[in-house]
């Protein structure tokens, strides 16, 4: 299998004097995204040699807590969806979605 095309996703993080994120933007030209502002990012990378996940979670200091709770909920839901597509484990995916419903209920995210 040979690579036919390379695609880049770039994140730009503007920091204050204490290296706390003030601005985050990202670009994914293949997806039509150019310098789009964001308040938070979560990145997970699988290190297949160490069999470990490398992570980076960043959010700007003006990210509202209610939006952070919603961001986490939506991330958990999408992880359940991705887990099902990747493993075809419908039973565990349903269990994950049950937890997502519980999470949303406890945080009063669903009206």
C-alpha atoms as a PDB file:
ATOM      1  CA  UNK A   1       0.000   0.000   0.000  1.00  0.00           C
ATOM      2  CA  UNK A   2       1.508   3.325  -0.998  1.00  0.00           C
ATOM      3  CA  UNK A   3       0.464   6.764   0.184  1.00  0.00           C
ATOM      4  CA  UNK A   4      -1.326   8.641  -2.601  1.00  0.00           C
ATOM      5  CA  UNK A   5      -2.009  11.889  -0.756  1.00  0.00           C
ATOM      6  CA  UNK A   6      -0.956  13.615   2.457  1.00  0.00           C
ATOM      7  CA  UNK A   7      -3.377  15.659   4.492  1.00  0.00           C
ATOM      8  CA  UNK A   8      -2.580  18.028   7.351  1.00  0.00           C
ATOM      9  CA  UNK A   9      -4.528  19.195  10.348  1.00  0.00           C
ATOM     10  CA  UNK A  10      -2.920  22.144  12.096  1.00  0.00           C
ATOM     11  CA  UNK A  11      -3.660  23.647  15.490  1.00  0.00           C
ATOM     12  CA  UNK A  12      -2.505  27.097  16.511  1.00  0.00           C
ATOM     13  CA  UNK A  13      -2.551  27.960  20.222  1.00  0.00           C
ATOM     14  CA  UNK A  14      -2.066  31.535  21.408  1.00  0.00           C
ATOM     15  CA  UNK A  15      -0.706  31.614  24.965  1.00  0.00           C
ATOM     16  CA  UNK A  16      -0.577  34.299  27.625  1.00  0.00           C
ATOM     17  CA  UNK A  17       2.566  35.158  29.612  1.00  0.00           C
ATOM     18  CA  UNK A  18       1.958  32.087  31.848  1.00  0.00           C
ATOM     19  CA  UNK A  19       1.553  29.803  28.827  1.00  0.00           C
ATOM     20  CA  UNK A  20      -2.188  29.439  29.411  1.00  0.00           C
ATOM     21  CA  UNK A  21      -4.187  29.145  26.167  1.00  0.00           C
ATOM     22  CA  UNK A  22      -6.044  32.311  25.215  1.00  0.00           C
ATOM     23  CA  UNK A  23      -6.851  31.440  21.602  1.00  0.00           C
ATOM     24  CA  UNK A  24      -7.086  28.186  19.687  1.00  0.00           C
ATOM     25  CA  UNK A  25      -7.626  27.847  15.957  1.00  0.00           C
ATOM     26  CA  UNK A  26      -7.348  24.968  13.538  1.00  0.00           C
ATOM     27  CA  UNK A  27      -6.980  24.348   9.839  1.00  0.00           C
ATOM     28  CA  UNK A  28      -7.871  21.232   7.829  1.00  0.00           C
ATOM     29  CA  UNK A  29      -7.772  22.324   4.202  1.00  0.00           C
ATOM     30  CA  UNK A  30      -9.026  18.968   2.887  1.00  0.00           C
ATOM     31  CA  UNK A  31     -12.098  19.444   5.075  1.00  0.00           C
ATOM     32  CA  UNK A  32     -12.628  23.058   4.047  1.00  0.00           C
ATOM     33  CA  UNK A  33     -11.562  24.411   7.460  1.00  0.00           C
ATOM     34  CA  UNK A  34      -9.272  27.435   7.452  1.00  0.00           C
ATOM     35  CA  UNK A  35      -8.143  29.084  10.687  1.00  0.00           C
ATOM     36  CA  UNK A  36     -11.401  28.214  12.516  1.00  0.00           C
ATOM     37  CA  UNK A  37     -11.598  29.416  16.136  1.00  0.00           C
ATOM     38  CA  UNK A  38     -12.200  26.946  18.944  1.00  0.00           C
ATOM     39  CA  UNK A  39     -12.334  27.112  22.733  1.00  0.00           C
ATOM     40  CA  UNK A  40     -11.134  23.557  23.408  1.00  0.00           C
ATOM     41  CA  UNK A  41      -9.423  20.572  21.786  1.00  0.00           C
ATOM     42  CA  UNK A  42      -8.796  16.985  22.814  1.00  0.00           C
ATOM     43  CA  UNK A  43      -6.276  14.969  20.865  1.00  0.00           C
ATOM     44  CA  UNK A  44      -5.521  11.283  21.403  1.00  0.00           C
ATOM     45  CA  UNK A  45      -2.754   9.492  19.535  1.00  0.00           C
ATOM     46  CA  UNK A  46      -2.124   5.755  19.738  1.00  0.00           C
ATOM     47  CA  UNK A  47       1.521   4.785  20.253  1.00  0.00           C
ATOM     48  CA  UNK A  48       1.500   1.278  18.779  1.00  0.00           C
ATOM     49  CA  UNK A  49       5.013   0.527  19.992  1.00  0.00           C
ATOM     50  CA  UNK A  50       4.278   1.294  23.636  1.00  0.00           C
ATOM     51  CA  UNK A  51       0.611   0.241  23.380  1.00  0.00           C
ATOM     52  CA  UNK A  52      -0.326   3.497  25.084  1.00  0.00           C
ATOM     53  CA  UNK A  53      -2.403   6.565  24.348  1.00  0.00           C
ATOM     54  CA  UNK A  54      -0.760   9.970  24.196  1.00  0.00           C
ATOM     55  CA  UNK A  55      -3.141  12.813  24.907  1.00  0.00           C
ATOM     56  CA  UNK A  56      -3.336  16.554  24.818  1.00  0.00           C
ATOM     57  CA  UNK A  57      -6.302  18.433  26.224  1.00  0.00           C
ATOM     58  CA  UNK A  58      -6.347  22.210  25.916  1.00  0.00           C
ATOM     59  CA  UNK A  59      -8.986  24.837  26.544  1.00  0.00           C
ATOM     60  CA  UNK A  60      -8.927  28.598  26.604  1.00  0.00           C
ATOM     61  CA  UNK A  61      -9.278  30.402  29.897  1.00  0.00           C
ATOM     62  CA  UNK A  62     -12.572  31.896  28.734  1.00  0.00           C
ATOM     63  CA  UNK A  63     -14.162  28.488  27.940  1.00  0.00           C
ATOM     64  CA  UNK A  64     -17.428  28.503  29.924  1.00  0.00           C
ATOM     65  CA  UNK A  65     -17.878  25.575  32.313  1.00  0.00           C
ATOM     66  CA  UNK A  66     -21.339  24.779  30.935  1.00  0.00           C
ATOM     67  CA  UNK A  67     -19.879  24.506  27.425  1.00  0.00           C
ATOM     68  CA  UNK A  68     -17.020  22.324  28.754  1.00  0.00           C
ATOM     69  CA  UNK A  69     -19.589  19.924  30.244  1.00  0.00           C
ATOM     70  CA  UNK A  70     -21.433  19.814  26.931  1.00  0.00           C
ATOM     71  CA  UNK A  71     -18.141  19.321  25.045  1.00  0.00           C
ATOM     72  CA  UNK A  72     -17.261  16.348  27.256  1.00  0.00           C
ATOM     73  CA  UNK A  73     -20.716  14.830  26.829  1.00  0.00           C
ATOM     74  CA  UNK A  74     -20.616  15.136  23.053  1.00  0.00           C
ATOM     75  CA  UNK A  75     -17.083  13.708  23.000  1.00  0.00           C
ATOM     76  CA  UNK A  76     -18.187  10.698  25.050  1.00  0.00           C
ATOM     77  CA  UNK A  77     -21.148  10.097  22.718  1.00  0.00           C
ATOM     78  CA  UNK A  78     -18.916  10.278  19.652  1.00  0.00           C
ATOM     79  CA  UNK A  79     -16.439   7.893  21.311  1.00  0.00           C
ATOM     80  CA  UNK A  80     -19.265   5.364  21.765  1.00  0.00           C
ATOM     81  CA  UNK A  81     -20.177   5.746  18.084  1.00  0.00           C
ATOM     82  CA  UNK A  82     -16.556   5.403  16.977  1.00  0.00           C
ATOM     83  CA  UNK A  83     -16.032   2.397  19.253  1.00  0.00           C
ATOM     84  CA  UNK A  84     -18.986   0.653  17.621  1.00  0.00           C
ATOM     85  CA  UNK A  85     -17.763   1.411  14.080  1.00  0.00           C
ATOM     86  CA  UNK A  86     -14.220   0.288  14.946  1.00  0.00           C
ATOM     87  CA  UNK A  87     -15.065  -2.907  16.851  1.00  0.00           C
ATOM     88  CA  UNK A  88     -18.657  -3.775  15.907  1.00  0.00           C
ATOM     89  CA  UNK A  89     -19.194  -4.373  19.658  1.00  0.00           C
ATOM     90  CA  UNK A  90     -22.799  -3.244  19.854  1.00  0.00           C
ATOM     91  CA  UNK A  91     -23.342  -4.386  23.438  1.00  0.00           C
ATOM     92  CA  UNK A  92     -20.458  -2.344  24.873  1.00  0.00           C
ATOM     93  CA  UNK A  93     -21.355   0.621  22.664  1.00  0.00           C
ATOM     94  CA  UNK A  94     -24.871   0.554  24.093  1.00  0.00           C
ATOM     95  CA  UNK A  95     -23.412   0.410  27.606  1.00  0.00           C
ATOM     96  CA  UNK A  96     -21.249   3.427  26.799  1.00  0.00           C
ATOM     97  CA  UNK A  97     -24.305   5.310  25.496  1.00  0.00           C
ATOM     98  CA  UNK A  98     -26.193   4.443  28.693  1.00  0.00           C
ATOM     99  CA  UNK A  99     -23.375   6.068  30.640  1.00  0.00           C
ATOM    100  CA  UNK A 100     -23.551   9.107  28.332  1.00  0.00           C
ATOM    101  CA  UNK A 101     -27.276   9.419  29.119  1.00  0.00           C
ATOM    102  CA  UNK A 102     -26.518   9.150  32.847  1.00  0.00           C
ATOM    103  CA  UNK A 103     -23.731  11.754  32.505  1.00  0.00           C
ATOM    104  CA  UNK A 104     -26.070  14.161  30.705  1.00  0.00           C
ATOM    105  CA  UNK A 105     -28.827  13.608  33.226  1.00  0.00           C
ATOM    106  CA  UNK A 106     -26.566  14.257  36.223  1.00  0.00           C
ATOM    107  CA  UNK A 107     -25.161  17.404  34.639  1.00  0.00           C
ATOM    108  CA  UNK A 108     -28.664  18.475  33.556  1.00  0.00           C
ATOM    109  CA  UNK A 109     -27.577  18.774  29.938  1.00  0.00           C
ATOM    110  CA  UNK A 110     -30.775  17.356  28.484  1.00  0.00           C
ATOM    111  CA  UNK A 111     -33.885  19.451  28.777  1.00  0.00           C
END
